N, C-alpha and C. Protein backbone atom coordinates (compact mmCIF):
# COMPACT_ATOMS: atom_id res chain seq x y z
N MET A 1 100.43 111.05 84.96
CA MET A 1 100.54 110.58 83.61
C MET A 1 100.83 111.77 82.73
N ARG A 2 101.68 111.52 81.78
CA ARG A 2 102.03 112.60 80.85
C ARG A 2 101.92 112.08 79.43
N VAL A 3 101.52 112.98 78.57
CA VAL A 3 101.48 112.68 77.14
C VAL A 3 102.52 113.58 76.49
N GLY A 4 103.48 113.01 75.81
CA GLY A 4 104.52 113.79 75.16
C GLY A 4 105.60 112.91 74.63
N PRO A 5 106.52 113.51 73.94
CA PRO A 5 107.61 112.73 73.35
C PRO A 5 108.55 112.16 74.40
N ALA A 6 109.29 111.14 73.99
CA ALA A 6 110.22 110.49 74.91
C ALA A 6 111.25 111.44 75.47
N GLY A 7 111.57 112.51 74.74
CA GLY A 7 112.54 113.50 75.22
C GLY A 7 112.13 114.16 76.51
N ASP A 8 110.82 114.24 76.76
CA ASP A 8 110.35 114.83 78.03
C ASP A 8 110.86 114.00 79.21
N ALA A 9 110.81 112.66 79.06
CA ALA A 9 111.26 111.81 80.12
C ALA A 9 112.75 111.99 80.36
N LEU A 10 113.49 112.16 79.28
CA LEU A 10 114.95 112.38 79.39
C LEU A 10 115.21 113.71 80.10
N ASP A 11 114.42 114.74 79.83
CA ASP A 11 114.56 116.02 80.50
C ASP A 11 114.32 115.89 81.98
N ARG A 12 113.30 115.12 82.39
CA ARG A 12 113.01 114.91 83.81
C ARG A 12 114.16 114.13 84.48
N PHE A 13 114.71 113.16 83.76
CA PHE A 13 115.84 112.39 84.30
C PHE A 13 117.03 113.33 84.51
N GLU A 14 117.31 114.17 83.54
CA GLU A 14 118.46 115.09 83.64
C GLU A 14 118.26 116.05 84.83
N ALA A 15 117.05 116.54 85.00
CA ALA A 15 116.80 117.46 86.13
C ALA A 15 116.99 116.74 87.47
N ALA A 16 116.53 115.47 87.54
CA ALA A 16 116.71 114.72 88.80
C ALA A 16 118.18 114.44 89.03
N TRP A 17 118.91 114.13 87.99
CA TRP A 17 120.35 113.87 88.12
C TRP A 17 121.05 115.12 88.63
N ASN A 18 120.72 116.27 88.08
CA ASN A 18 121.35 117.53 88.49
C ASN A 18 121.01 117.85 89.96
N ARG A 19 119.80 117.52 90.41
CA ARG A 19 119.46 117.76 91.81
C ARG A 19 120.34 116.88 92.70
N LEU A 20 120.59 115.63 92.30
CA LEU A 20 121.46 114.73 93.07
C LEU A 20 122.88 115.25 93.12
N VAL A 21 123.37 115.70 91.97
CA VAL A 21 124.75 116.24 91.91
C VAL A 21 124.90 117.45 92.80
N ASP A 22 123.82 118.26 92.90
CA ASP A 22 123.84 119.43 93.77
C ASP A 22 123.63 119.11 95.24
N GLY A 23 123.50 117.82 95.57
CA GLY A 23 123.36 117.39 96.95
C GLY A 23 121.95 117.40 97.47
N GLU A 24 120.95 117.56 96.63
CA GLU A 24 119.56 117.54 97.09
C GLU A 24 119.11 116.08 97.26
N ARG A 25 118.20 115.89 98.18
CA ARG A 25 117.64 114.55 98.37
C ARG A 25 116.72 114.20 97.23
N PRO A 26 116.74 112.96 96.80
CA PRO A 26 115.84 112.57 95.72
C PRO A 26 114.37 112.61 96.16
N ARG A 27 113.53 113.01 95.22
CA ARG A 27 112.08 113.04 95.47
C ARG A 27 111.46 111.83 94.79
N SER A 28 110.58 111.16 95.51
CA SER A 28 109.88 110.01 94.93
C SER A 28 108.73 110.51 94.09
N LEU A 29 108.74 110.09 92.84
CA LEU A 29 107.69 110.52 91.91
C LEU A 29 107.49 109.38 90.91
N ALA A 30 106.26 108.95 90.77
CA ALA A 30 105.92 107.93 89.77
C ALA A 30 105.28 108.63 88.61
N VAL A 31 105.87 108.49 87.42
CA VAL A 31 105.38 109.12 86.23
C VAL A 31 105.14 108.06 85.17
N LEU A 32 103.97 108.07 84.61
CA LEU A 32 103.63 107.19 83.49
C LEU A 32 103.41 108.06 82.27
N SER A 33 104.22 107.85 81.26
CA SER A 33 104.16 108.71 80.07
C SER A 33 103.65 107.90 78.86
N PHE A 34 102.82 108.58 78.06
CA PHE A 34 102.34 108.03 76.81
C PHE A 34 102.81 108.90 75.68
N GLU A 35 103.04 108.30 74.53
CA GLU A 35 103.57 109.05 73.39
C GLU A 35 102.59 110.13 72.90
N ASP A 36 101.30 109.80 72.90
CA ASP A 36 100.32 110.77 72.42
C ASP A 36 98.96 110.48 73.08
N LEU A 37 98.00 111.37 72.80
CA LEU A 37 96.67 111.23 73.41
C LEU A 37 95.97 109.94 73.01
N PRO A 38 96.02 109.52 71.75
CA PRO A 38 95.38 108.23 71.42
C PRO A 38 95.93 107.05 72.24
N ALA A 39 97.23 107.06 72.53
CA ALA A 39 97.81 105.99 73.34
C ALA A 39 97.29 106.05 74.77
N LEU A 40 97.15 107.25 75.31
CA LEU A 40 96.60 107.43 76.65
C LEU A 40 95.17 106.92 76.69
N LEU A 41 94.36 107.32 75.72
CA LEU A 41 92.95 106.91 75.72
C LEU A 41 92.76 105.43 75.49
N LYS A 42 93.67 104.83 74.74
CA LYS A 42 93.60 103.36 74.52
C LYS A 42 93.87 102.63 75.84
N ASN A 43 94.80 103.11 76.61
CA ASN A 43 95.17 102.46 77.87
C ASN A 43 94.29 102.83 79.03
N LEU A 44 93.70 103.99 79.00
CA LEU A 44 92.86 104.46 80.09
C LEU A 44 91.50 104.85 79.56
N SER A 45 90.78 103.86 79.06
CA SER A 45 89.42 104.08 78.50
C SER A 45 88.46 104.44 79.62
N PRO A 46 87.27 104.93 79.28
CA PRO A 46 86.27 105.20 80.32
C PRO A 46 85.97 104.01 81.22
N ALA A 47 85.90 102.81 80.61
CA ALA A 47 85.64 101.61 81.42
C ALA A 47 86.79 101.35 82.40
N ARG A 48 88.01 101.54 81.95
CA ARG A 48 89.17 101.31 82.85
C ARG A 48 89.25 102.37 83.92
N LEU A 49 88.91 103.61 83.59
CA LEU A 49 88.89 104.67 84.60
C LEU A 49 87.83 104.37 85.68
N SER A 50 86.65 103.91 85.23
CA SER A 50 85.61 103.52 86.16
C SER A 50 86.06 102.38 87.07
N LEU A 51 86.76 101.41 86.49
CA LEU A 51 87.32 100.28 87.22
C LEU A 51 88.28 100.79 88.31
N LEU A 52 89.20 101.70 87.95
CA LEU A 52 90.14 102.25 88.91
C LEU A 52 89.41 102.97 90.04
N GLN A 53 88.40 103.76 89.71
CA GLN A 53 87.65 104.50 90.72
C GLN A 53 86.91 103.57 91.68
N LYS A 54 86.27 102.56 91.12
CA LYS A 54 85.53 101.59 91.95
C LYS A 54 86.49 100.82 92.87
N LEU A 55 87.59 100.38 92.32
CA LEU A 55 88.56 99.59 93.08
C LEU A 55 89.22 100.47 94.16
N ARG A 56 89.54 101.70 93.87
CA ARG A 56 90.12 102.60 94.87
C ARG A 56 89.16 102.82 96.03
N ALA A 57 87.88 102.98 95.73
CA ALA A 57 86.89 103.22 96.78
C ALA A 57 86.64 101.97 97.62
N ALA A 58 86.66 100.80 96.97
CA ALA A 58 86.31 99.55 97.65
C ALA A 58 87.49 98.96 98.45
N GLY A 59 88.69 99.24 98.02
CA GLY A 59 89.85 98.57 98.64
C GLY A 59 90.11 97.25 97.91
N PRO A 60 91.04 96.44 98.45
CA PRO A 60 91.46 95.20 97.77
C PRO A 60 90.26 94.28 97.50
N LEU A 61 90.18 93.80 96.26
CA LEU A 61 89.12 92.89 95.84
C LEU A 61 89.70 91.81 94.91
N SER A 62 89.00 90.68 94.84
CA SER A 62 89.33 89.71 93.81
C SER A 62 88.81 90.26 92.50
N ILE A 63 89.36 89.78 91.41
CA ILE A 63 88.89 90.23 90.10
C ILE A 63 87.42 89.82 89.92
N TYR A 64 87.07 88.66 90.41
CA TYR A 64 85.69 88.20 90.30
C TYR A 64 84.75 89.18 90.99
N GLU A 65 85.10 89.57 92.24
CA GLU A 65 84.26 90.49 92.98
C GLU A 65 84.21 91.85 92.32
N LEU A 66 85.33 92.30 91.79
CA LEU A 66 85.37 93.57 91.09
C LEU A 66 84.44 93.55 89.88
N ALA A 67 84.51 92.47 89.12
CA ALA A 67 83.65 92.34 87.92
C ALA A 67 82.18 92.34 88.34
N ARG A 68 81.87 91.65 89.43
CA ARG A 68 80.47 91.62 89.93
C ARG A 68 80.00 93.03 90.30
N ARG A 69 80.83 93.76 91.02
CA ARG A 69 80.45 95.13 91.46
C ARG A 69 80.33 96.10 90.29
N LEU A 70 81.14 95.88 89.26
CA LEU A 70 81.06 96.73 88.07
C LEU A 70 79.94 96.32 87.13
N GLY A 71 79.41 95.11 87.32
CA GLY A 71 78.36 94.58 86.42
C GLY A 71 78.93 94.30 85.04
N ARG A 72 80.20 93.86 85.02
CA ARG A 72 80.88 93.56 83.75
C ARG A 72 81.30 92.12 83.70
N ASP A 73 81.61 91.66 82.47
CA ASP A 73 82.07 90.31 82.24
C ASP A 73 83.44 90.09 82.88
N TYR A 74 83.63 88.96 83.58
CA TYR A 74 84.89 88.63 84.27
C TYR A 74 86.08 88.72 83.32
N LYS A 75 85.96 88.12 82.14
CA LYS A 75 87.09 88.07 81.21
C LYS A 75 87.55 89.49 80.80
N ASN A 76 86.60 90.39 80.56
CA ASN A 76 86.95 91.75 80.18
C ASN A 76 87.60 92.50 81.35
N VAL A 77 87.07 92.30 82.55
CA VAL A 77 87.66 92.95 83.72
C VAL A 77 89.06 92.40 83.99
N HIS A 78 89.25 91.08 83.80
CA HIS A 78 90.58 90.47 83.97
C HIS A 78 91.55 91.08 82.98
N THR A 79 91.15 91.25 81.73
CA THR A 79 91.99 91.87 80.72
C THR A 79 92.37 93.30 81.11
N ASP A 80 91.38 94.08 81.57
CA ASP A 80 91.65 95.44 81.99
C ASP A 80 92.59 95.50 83.20
N VAL A 81 92.36 94.65 84.15
CA VAL A 81 93.22 94.62 85.36
C VAL A 81 94.63 94.26 84.96
N THR A 82 94.79 93.29 84.10
CA THR A 82 96.14 92.89 83.67
C THR A 82 96.86 94.05 82.99
N GLN A 83 96.17 94.77 82.12
CA GLN A 83 96.78 95.92 81.43
C GLN A 83 97.11 97.03 82.42
N LEU A 84 96.18 97.36 83.29
CA LEU A 84 96.41 98.42 84.27
C LEU A 84 97.52 98.04 85.23
N ALA A 85 97.64 96.78 85.59
CA ALA A 85 98.74 96.32 86.46
C ALA A 85 100.07 96.43 85.76
N SER A 86 100.09 96.12 84.45
CA SER A 86 101.36 96.23 83.71
C SER A 86 101.81 97.69 83.61
N LEU A 87 100.87 98.62 83.70
CA LEU A 87 101.23 100.04 83.67
C LEU A 87 101.56 100.55 85.04
N GLY A 88 101.35 99.75 86.09
CA GLY A 88 101.64 100.17 87.46
C GLY A 88 100.52 100.89 88.14
N LEU A 89 99.31 100.88 87.54
CA LEU A 89 98.18 101.60 88.12
C LEU A 89 97.41 100.73 89.10
N ILE A 90 97.64 99.42 89.05
CA ILE A 90 96.99 98.47 89.97
C ILE A 90 98.07 97.56 90.54
N SER A 91 97.93 97.24 91.81
CA SER A 91 98.85 96.30 92.48
C SER A 91 98.10 95.02 92.82
N ARG A 92 98.82 93.92 92.77
CA ARG A 92 98.25 92.62 93.08
C ARG A 92 98.94 92.14 94.36
N GLY A 93 98.10 91.77 95.37
CA GLY A 93 98.64 91.31 96.65
C GLY A 93 98.96 89.84 96.60
N GLU A 94 99.60 89.36 97.67
CA GLU A 94 99.94 87.95 97.80
C GLU A 94 98.70 87.06 97.78
N ASP A 95 97.55 87.61 98.22
CA ASP A 95 96.29 86.84 98.24
C ASP A 95 95.59 86.93 96.89
N ASN A 96 96.26 87.55 95.89
CA ASN A 96 95.78 87.69 94.52
C ASN A 96 94.68 88.71 94.38
N ARG A 97 94.39 89.44 95.47
CA ARG A 97 93.43 90.54 95.34
C ARG A 97 94.15 91.75 94.76
N VAL A 98 93.41 92.59 94.08
CA VAL A 98 93.99 93.75 93.43
C VAL A 98 93.53 95.01 94.14
N THR A 99 94.38 96.03 94.04
CA THR A 99 94.09 97.31 94.69
C THR A 99 94.71 98.44 93.87
N VAL A 100 94.25 99.64 94.10
CA VAL A 100 94.81 100.84 93.50
C VAL A 100 95.64 101.53 94.58
N PRO A 101 96.95 101.59 94.45
CA PRO A 101 97.78 102.17 95.49
C PRO A 101 97.91 103.70 95.43
N TRP A 102 97.15 104.35 94.58
CA TRP A 102 97.25 105.77 94.39
C TRP A 102 96.03 106.52 94.91
N ASP A 103 96.26 107.69 95.48
CA ASP A 103 95.15 108.56 95.90
C ASP A 103 94.79 109.55 94.80
N LEU A 104 95.74 109.81 93.93
CA LEU A 104 95.57 110.85 92.91
C LEU A 104 96.15 110.37 91.60
N LEU A 105 95.42 110.60 90.56
CA LEU A 105 95.88 110.33 89.21
C LEU A 105 95.75 111.64 88.45
N ARG A 106 96.88 112.22 88.08
CA ARG A 106 96.88 113.52 87.41
C ARG A 106 97.36 113.33 85.99
N ALA A 107 96.62 113.85 85.05
CA ALA A 107 97.02 113.78 83.64
C ALA A 107 97.49 115.15 83.20
N GLU A 108 98.58 115.15 82.49
CA GLU A 108 99.15 116.40 81.99
C GLU A 108 99.33 116.23 80.48
N LEU A 109 98.83 117.18 79.73
CA LEU A 109 98.91 117.12 78.28
C LEU A 109 99.57 118.38 77.78
N ARG A 110 100.72 118.21 77.15
CA ARG A 110 101.49 119.34 76.62
C ARG A 110 101.00 119.67 75.24
N LEU A 111 100.68 120.94 74.98
CA LEU A 111 100.20 121.36 73.69
C LEU A 111 101.34 121.86 72.82
C-alpha cells in the first residue's frame, strides 16, 4: 500500500513500460495506493486490520464465523469485509467464504 499523489502510480507505470520496452520480463506486483494518510486510515482502521490478521491466520471462513471469532456484530463485519474485498485485500471463494490471499501487507508513506 502506498500513500501519495496519483502521479506516483503513473511513475510506476512508466517504469514498468520501460522495462518491457527494454525486453525485461514483467514483474507481478499488486499495489494499492491511497491519496493521503487519512484515506488509508479510513479504509484500514484498527478493527479492519485485526479482521485481516484473524482471517489470514484462520484461513477461509464464512462472514458469520469470522464475526463470531472476532466477537463483533455480523453487520459491521460484513461491511468491513465488503470494503476490504473491493480494495482487493480479501478474496471471496465460490463457497462464499472469505480469505486473505496475502502473506505480507507493507505500507509505504512518502514524506
